[in-house]
Structure formats: structure tokens, C-alpha cells
């Protein structure tokens, strides 16, 4: 699994940015951020964090997710835990 850390984007916002990530990781993060089901942790934590996919490129393994609200650390933890579950279930 790729290492997820919070940095500062070129827009001076807290973010997670991955380079050379696996396609399944990029797709999972995009889904977590945009999950429309309001009764899920994805939805609640993403909204609380103000998470926003600023951009991605699957062919280069790149994704940038910015946080527009100060309460983003629970969301980052949720992303890491979800990706760990995905990896542990992989064949």
C-alpha cells in the first residue's frame, strides 16, 4: 500500500498527493471522497474534511485530494484504514 501523508498543496491547502500509485488505490480514494450515500463513514468524514479531488491521472498514478475544512485528520485515517482493508482482501 502506498504511504499516505498530509502535505500542503500548491493552493496552500492541506492535502494528500500520491504519485506512482496503483490504479486500484486511485479509484478507491476517488470513491471514498465522492461516495454519495449519506449513511456511510465515507460521506460523513469526507464532508467534514471538505475533501475535494483536485485532480488525478490514472496513467501516471497521480491523485491530489485537498481538504477545505480543518477537521481532515479523521478522514485521512479513514482512507488509510479503508486502503489497508482493500489490500488485505486482495488475492
N, C-alpha and C. Protein backbone atom coordinates (compact mmCIF):
# COMPACT_ATOMS: atom_id res chain seq x y z
N UNK A 1 0.85 -1.19 0.00
CA UNK A 1 0.00 0.00 0.00
C UNK A 1 0.88 1.24 0.00
N UNK A 2 0.45 2.24 -0.74
CA UNK A 2 1.16 3.50 -0.80
C UNK A 2 1.09 4.21 0.55
N UNK A 3 2.13 4.94 0.87
CA UNK A 3 2.13 5.70 2.12
C UNK A 3 1.32 6.98 1.92
N UNK A 4 0.39 7.22 2.82
CA UNK A 4 -0.49 8.39 2.77
C UNK A 4 -0.02 9.36 3.85
N UNK A 5 0.37 10.55 3.42
CA UNK A 5 0.75 11.59 4.38
C UNK A 5 0.10 12.90 3.96
N UNK A 6 -0.11 13.76 4.93
CA UNK A 6 -0.69 15.08 4.66
C UNK A 6 0.44 16.05 4.39
N UNK A 7 0.30 16.78 3.29
CA UNK A 7 1.25 17.84 2.93
C UNK A 7 0.44 19.10 2.65
N UNK A 8 1.09 20.09 2.07
CA UNK A 8 0.42 21.33 1.67
C UNK A 8 0.45 21.43 0.15
N UNK A 9 -0.69 21.68 -0.44
CA UNK A 9 -0.79 21.76 -1.90
C UNK A 9 -0.25 23.09 -2.41
N UNK A 10 -0.18 23.20 -3.73
CA UNK A 10 0.24 24.46 -4.35
C UNK A 10 -0.78 25.57 -4.11
N UNK A 11 -1.98 25.19 -3.64
CA UNK A 11 -3.02 26.16 -3.30
C UNK A 11 -2.98 26.51 -1.82
N UNK A 12 -1.93 26.04 -1.14
CA UNK A 12 -1.72 26.30 0.28
C UNK A 12 -2.82 25.68 1.15
N UNK A 13 -3.29 24.52 0.72
CA UNK A 13 -4.32 23.78 1.45
C UNK A 13 -3.72 22.45 1.91
N UNK A 14 -4.15 21.93 3.07
CA UNK A 14 -3.71 20.59 3.43
C UNK A 14 -4.23 19.59 2.39
N UNK A 15 -3.43 18.57 2.11
CA UNK A 15 -3.81 17.63 1.06
C UNK A 15 -3.10 16.30 1.25
N UNK A 16 -3.58 15.31 0.51
CA UNK A 16 -2.82 14.10 0.28
C UNK A 16 -2.58 14.03 -1.22
N UNK A 17 -1.35 13.76 -1.59
CA UNK A 17 -0.99 13.65 -3.00
C UNK A 17 -0.17 12.38 -3.18
N UNK A 18 -0.60 11.55 -4.09
CA UNK A 18 0.12 10.32 -4.38
C UNK A 18 0.66 10.37 -5.80
N UNK A 19 1.86 9.86 -5.96
CA UNK A 19 2.49 9.74 -7.27
C UNK A 19 2.92 8.29 -7.41
N UNK A 20 2.76 7.72 -8.58
CA UNK A 20 3.07 6.31 -8.84
C UNK A 20 2.19 5.37 -8.03
N UNK A 21 0.96 5.77 -7.78
CA UNK A 21 0.02 4.93 -7.04
C UNK A 21 -0.60 3.90 -7.99
N UNK A 22 -1.07 2.82 -7.41
CA UNK A 22 -1.78 1.81 -8.19
C UNK A 22 -3.15 2.36 -8.60
N UNK A 23 -3.63 1.88 -9.72
CA UNK A 23 -4.94 2.32 -10.21
C UNK A 23 -6.02 2.01 -9.18
N UNK A 24 -5.95 0.85 -8.53
CA UNK A 24 -6.99 0.50 -7.54
C UNK A 24 -6.97 1.47 -6.37
N UNK A 25 -5.81 2.00 -6.03
CA UNK A 25 -5.72 2.98 -4.93
C UNK A 25 -6.36 4.29 -5.34
N UNK A 26 -6.06 4.75 -6.54
CA UNK A 26 -6.64 6.00 -7.03
C UNK A 26 -8.16 5.88 -7.11
N UNK A 27 -8.64 4.79 -7.64
CA UNK A 27 -10.09 4.60 -7.77
C UNK A 27 -10.76 4.50 -6.40
N UNK A 28 -10.11 3.84 -5.46
CA UNK A 28 -10.68 3.73 -4.11
C UNK A 28 -10.76 5.10 -3.45
N UNK A 29 -9.72 5.90 -3.57
CA UNK A 29 -9.73 7.24 -2.96
C UNK A 29 -10.79 8.10 -3.62
N UNK A 30 -10.89 8.06 -4.94
CA UNK A 30 -11.94 8.83 -5.62
C UNK A 30 -13.32 8.43 -5.13
N UNK A 31 -13.54 7.12 -4.95
CA UNK A 31 -14.84 6.66 -4.47
C UNK A 31 -15.10 7.13 -3.04
N UNK A 32 -14.10 7.00 -2.18
CA UNK A 32 -14.28 7.42 -0.79
C UNK A 32 -14.65 8.90 -0.71
N UNK A 33 -13.97 9.72 -1.49
CA UNK A 33 -14.24 11.16 -1.48
C UNK A 33 -15.63 11.48 -2.02
N UNK A 34 -16.06 10.75 -3.04
CA UNK A 34 -17.31 11.12 -3.72
C UNK A 34 -18.49 10.20 -3.40
N UNK A 35 -18.35 9.31 -2.43
CA UNK A 35 -19.43 8.39 -2.08
C UNK A 35 -20.68 9.20 -1.73
N UNK A 36 -21.78 8.98 -2.48
CA UNK A 36 -22.99 9.79 -2.26
C UNK A 36 -23.94 9.27 -1.18
N UNK A 37 -23.61 8.14 -0.59
CA UNK A 37 -24.53 7.54 0.39
C UNK A 37 -24.32 8.17 1.76
N UNK A 38 -25.30 8.94 2.20
CA UNK A 38 -25.13 9.78 3.39
C UNK A 38 -25.03 9.00 4.70
N UNK A 39 -25.39 7.73 4.68
CA UNK A 39 -25.30 6.95 5.91
C UNK A 39 -23.97 6.20 6.04
N UNK A 40 -22.94 6.63 5.30
CA UNK A 40 -21.64 5.97 5.34
C UNK A 40 -20.58 6.87 5.98
N UNK A 41 -19.56 6.23 6.52
CA UNK A 41 -18.43 6.97 7.08
C UNK A 41 -17.72 7.74 5.97
N UNK A 42 -17.66 7.17 4.76
CA UNK A 42 -17.04 7.89 3.63
C UNK A 42 -17.66 9.28 3.49
N UNK A 43 -18.98 9.30 3.41
CA UNK A 43 -19.71 10.54 3.18
C UNK A 43 -19.52 11.52 4.35
N UNK A 44 -19.76 11.04 5.56
CA UNK A 44 -19.67 11.92 6.73
C UNK A 44 -18.28 12.52 6.90
N UNK A 45 -17.25 11.67 6.82
CA UNK A 45 -15.89 12.15 7.05
C UNK A 45 -15.38 13.01 5.90
N UNK A 46 -15.75 12.66 4.69
CA UNK A 46 -15.35 13.46 3.53
C UNK A 46 -15.95 14.86 3.61
N UNK A 47 -17.23 14.93 3.94
CA UNK A 47 -17.87 16.24 4.05
C UNK A 47 -17.29 17.07 5.18
N UNK A 48 -17.04 16.43 6.32
CA UNK A 48 -16.47 17.15 7.46
C UNK A 48 -15.07 17.69 7.13
N UNK A 49 -14.33 16.94 6.30
CA UNK A 49 -12.98 17.37 5.92
C UNK A 49 -12.99 18.37 4.77
N UNK A 50 -14.13 18.51 4.10
CA UNK A 50 -14.16 19.33 2.90
C UNK A 50 -13.26 18.73 1.83
N UNK A 51 -13.22 17.39 1.77
CA UNK A 51 -12.34 16.70 0.83
C UNK A 51 -12.78 16.95 -0.61
N UNK A 52 -11.80 17.18 -1.47
CA UNK A 52 -12.08 17.54 -2.85
C UNK A 52 -10.97 16.95 -3.72
N UNK A 53 -11.34 16.13 -4.72
CA UNK A 53 -10.34 15.61 -5.65
C UNK A 53 -9.98 16.75 -6.60
N UNK A 54 -8.82 17.32 -6.37
CA UNK A 54 -8.36 18.45 -7.19
C UNK A 54 -7.93 17.97 -8.57
N UNK A 55 -7.44 16.73 -8.64
CA UNK A 55 -7.05 16.18 -9.92
C UNK A 55 -6.52 14.77 -9.76
N UNK A 56 -6.50 14.04 -10.87
CA UNK A 56 -5.92 12.70 -10.87
C UNK A 56 -5.57 12.31 -12.30
N UNK A 57 -4.64 11.37 -12.42
CA UNK A 57 -4.25 10.82 -13.70
C UNK A 57 -3.88 9.36 -13.46
N UNK A 58 -4.79 8.46 -13.79
CA UNK A 58 -4.55 7.04 -13.54
C UNK A 58 -3.33 6.52 -14.29
N UNK A 59 -3.09 7.03 -15.49
CA UNK A 59 -1.98 6.52 -16.30
C UNK A 59 -0.62 6.84 -15.67
N UNK A 60 -0.57 7.89 -14.85
CA UNK A 60 0.68 8.25 -14.17
C UNK A 60 0.64 7.96 -12.68
N UNK A 61 -0.48 7.39 -12.21
CA UNK A 61 -0.58 7.03 -10.80
C UNK A 61 -0.63 8.24 -9.87
N UNK A 62 -1.25 9.32 -10.34
CA UNK A 62 -1.26 10.57 -9.55
C UNK A 62 -2.69 10.92 -9.12
N UNK A 63 -2.81 11.35 -7.87
CA UNK A 63 -4.07 11.90 -7.36
C UNK A 63 -3.75 12.95 -6.31
N UNK A 64 -4.54 14.01 -6.32
CA UNK A 64 -4.40 15.09 -5.34
C UNK A 64 -5.78 15.34 -4.72
N UNK A 65 -5.87 15.17 -3.41
CA UNK A 65 -7.10 15.44 -2.67
C UNK A 65 -6.80 16.56 -1.68
N UNK A 66 -7.50 17.67 -1.83
CA UNK A 66 -7.33 18.80 -0.91
C UNK A 66 -8.43 18.77 0.14
N UNK A 67 -8.11 19.38 1.27
CA UNK A 67 -9.08 19.48 2.36
C UNK A 67 -9.37 20.95 2.60
N UNK A 68 -10.64 21.31 2.53
CA UNK A 68 -11.05 22.70 2.64
C UNK A 68 -11.68 23.02 3.99
N UNK A 69 -11.61 22.05 4.91
CA UNK A 69 -12.08 22.26 6.27
C UNK A 69 -10.98 21.78 7.22
N UNK A 70 -10.92 22.34 8.43
CA UNK A 70 -9.82 22.00 9.33
C UNK A 70 -9.89 20.60 9.95
N UNK A 71 -11.05 19.95 9.92
CA UNK A 71 -11.20 18.65 10.57
C UNK A 71 -10.98 17.53 9.56
N UNK A 72 -9.77 17.42 9.01
CA UNK A 72 -9.49 16.45 7.96
C UNK A 72 -8.76 15.19 8.45
N UNK A 73 -8.15 15.21 9.62
CA UNK A 73 -7.38 14.04 10.05
C UNK A 73 -8.21 12.78 10.23
N UNK A 74 -9.46 12.85 10.76
CA UNK A 74 -10.26 11.63 10.80
C UNK A 74 -10.51 11.03 9.41
N UNK A 75 -10.65 11.89 8.41
CA UNK A 75 -10.85 11.41 7.04
C UNK A 75 -9.59 10.71 6.54
N UNK A 76 -8.44 11.30 6.78
CA UNK A 76 -7.17 10.69 6.35
C UNK A 76 -7.02 9.31 7.00
N UNK A 77 -7.30 9.22 8.27
CA UNK A 77 -7.24 7.94 8.97
C UNK A 77 -8.20 6.94 8.33
N UNK A 78 -9.39 7.39 8.00
CA UNK A 78 -10.39 6.53 7.36
C UNK A 78 -9.88 6.03 6.00
N UNK A 79 -9.27 6.89 5.22
CA UNK A 79 -8.72 6.49 3.91
C UNK A 79 -7.66 5.42 4.11
N UNK A 80 -6.75 5.64 5.04
CA UNK A 80 -5.68 4.67 5.29
C UNK A 80 -6.26 3.33 5.71
N UNK A 81 -7.21 3.34 6.64
CA UNK A 81 -7.81 2.10 7.12
C UNK A 81 -8.57 1.37 6.01
N UNK A 82 -9.27 2.13 5.17
CA UNK A 82 -10.01 1.52 4.06
C UNK A 82 -9.06 0.89 3.06
N UNK A 83 -7.97 1.59 2.73
CA UNK A 83 -6.99 1.04 1.79
C UNK A 83 -6.32 -0.21 2.36
N UNK A 84 -6.07 -0.22 3.65
CA UNK A 84 -5.49 -1.41 4.29
C UNK A 84 -6.45 -2.60 4.17
N UNK A 85 -7.74 -2.36 4.35
CA UNK A 85 -8.74 -3.43 4.22
C UNK A 85 -8.76 -3.96 2.78
N UNK A 86 -8.68 -3.05 1.82
CA UNK A 86 -8.67 -3.45 0.41
C UNK A 86 -7.45 -4.31 0.14
N UNK A 87 -6.29 -3.88 0.62
CA UNK A 87 -5.06 -4.64 0.41
C UNK A 87 -5.10 -6.01 1.07
N UNK A 88 -5.68 -6.07 2.25
CA UNK A 88 -5.72 -7.35 2.96
C UNK A 88 -6.67 -8.34 2.31
N UNK A 89 -7.62 -7.84 1.51
CA UNK A 89 -8.55 -8.72 0.79
C UNK A 89 -8.12 -9.04 -0.62
N UNK A 90 -7.01 -8.45 -1.04
CA UNK A 90 -6.54 -8.69 -2.41
C UNK A 90 -5.98 -10.10 -2.54
N UNK A 91 -6.16 -10.69 -3.72
CA UNK A 91 -5.64 -12.06 -3.92
C UNK A 91 -4.12 -12.09 -3.97
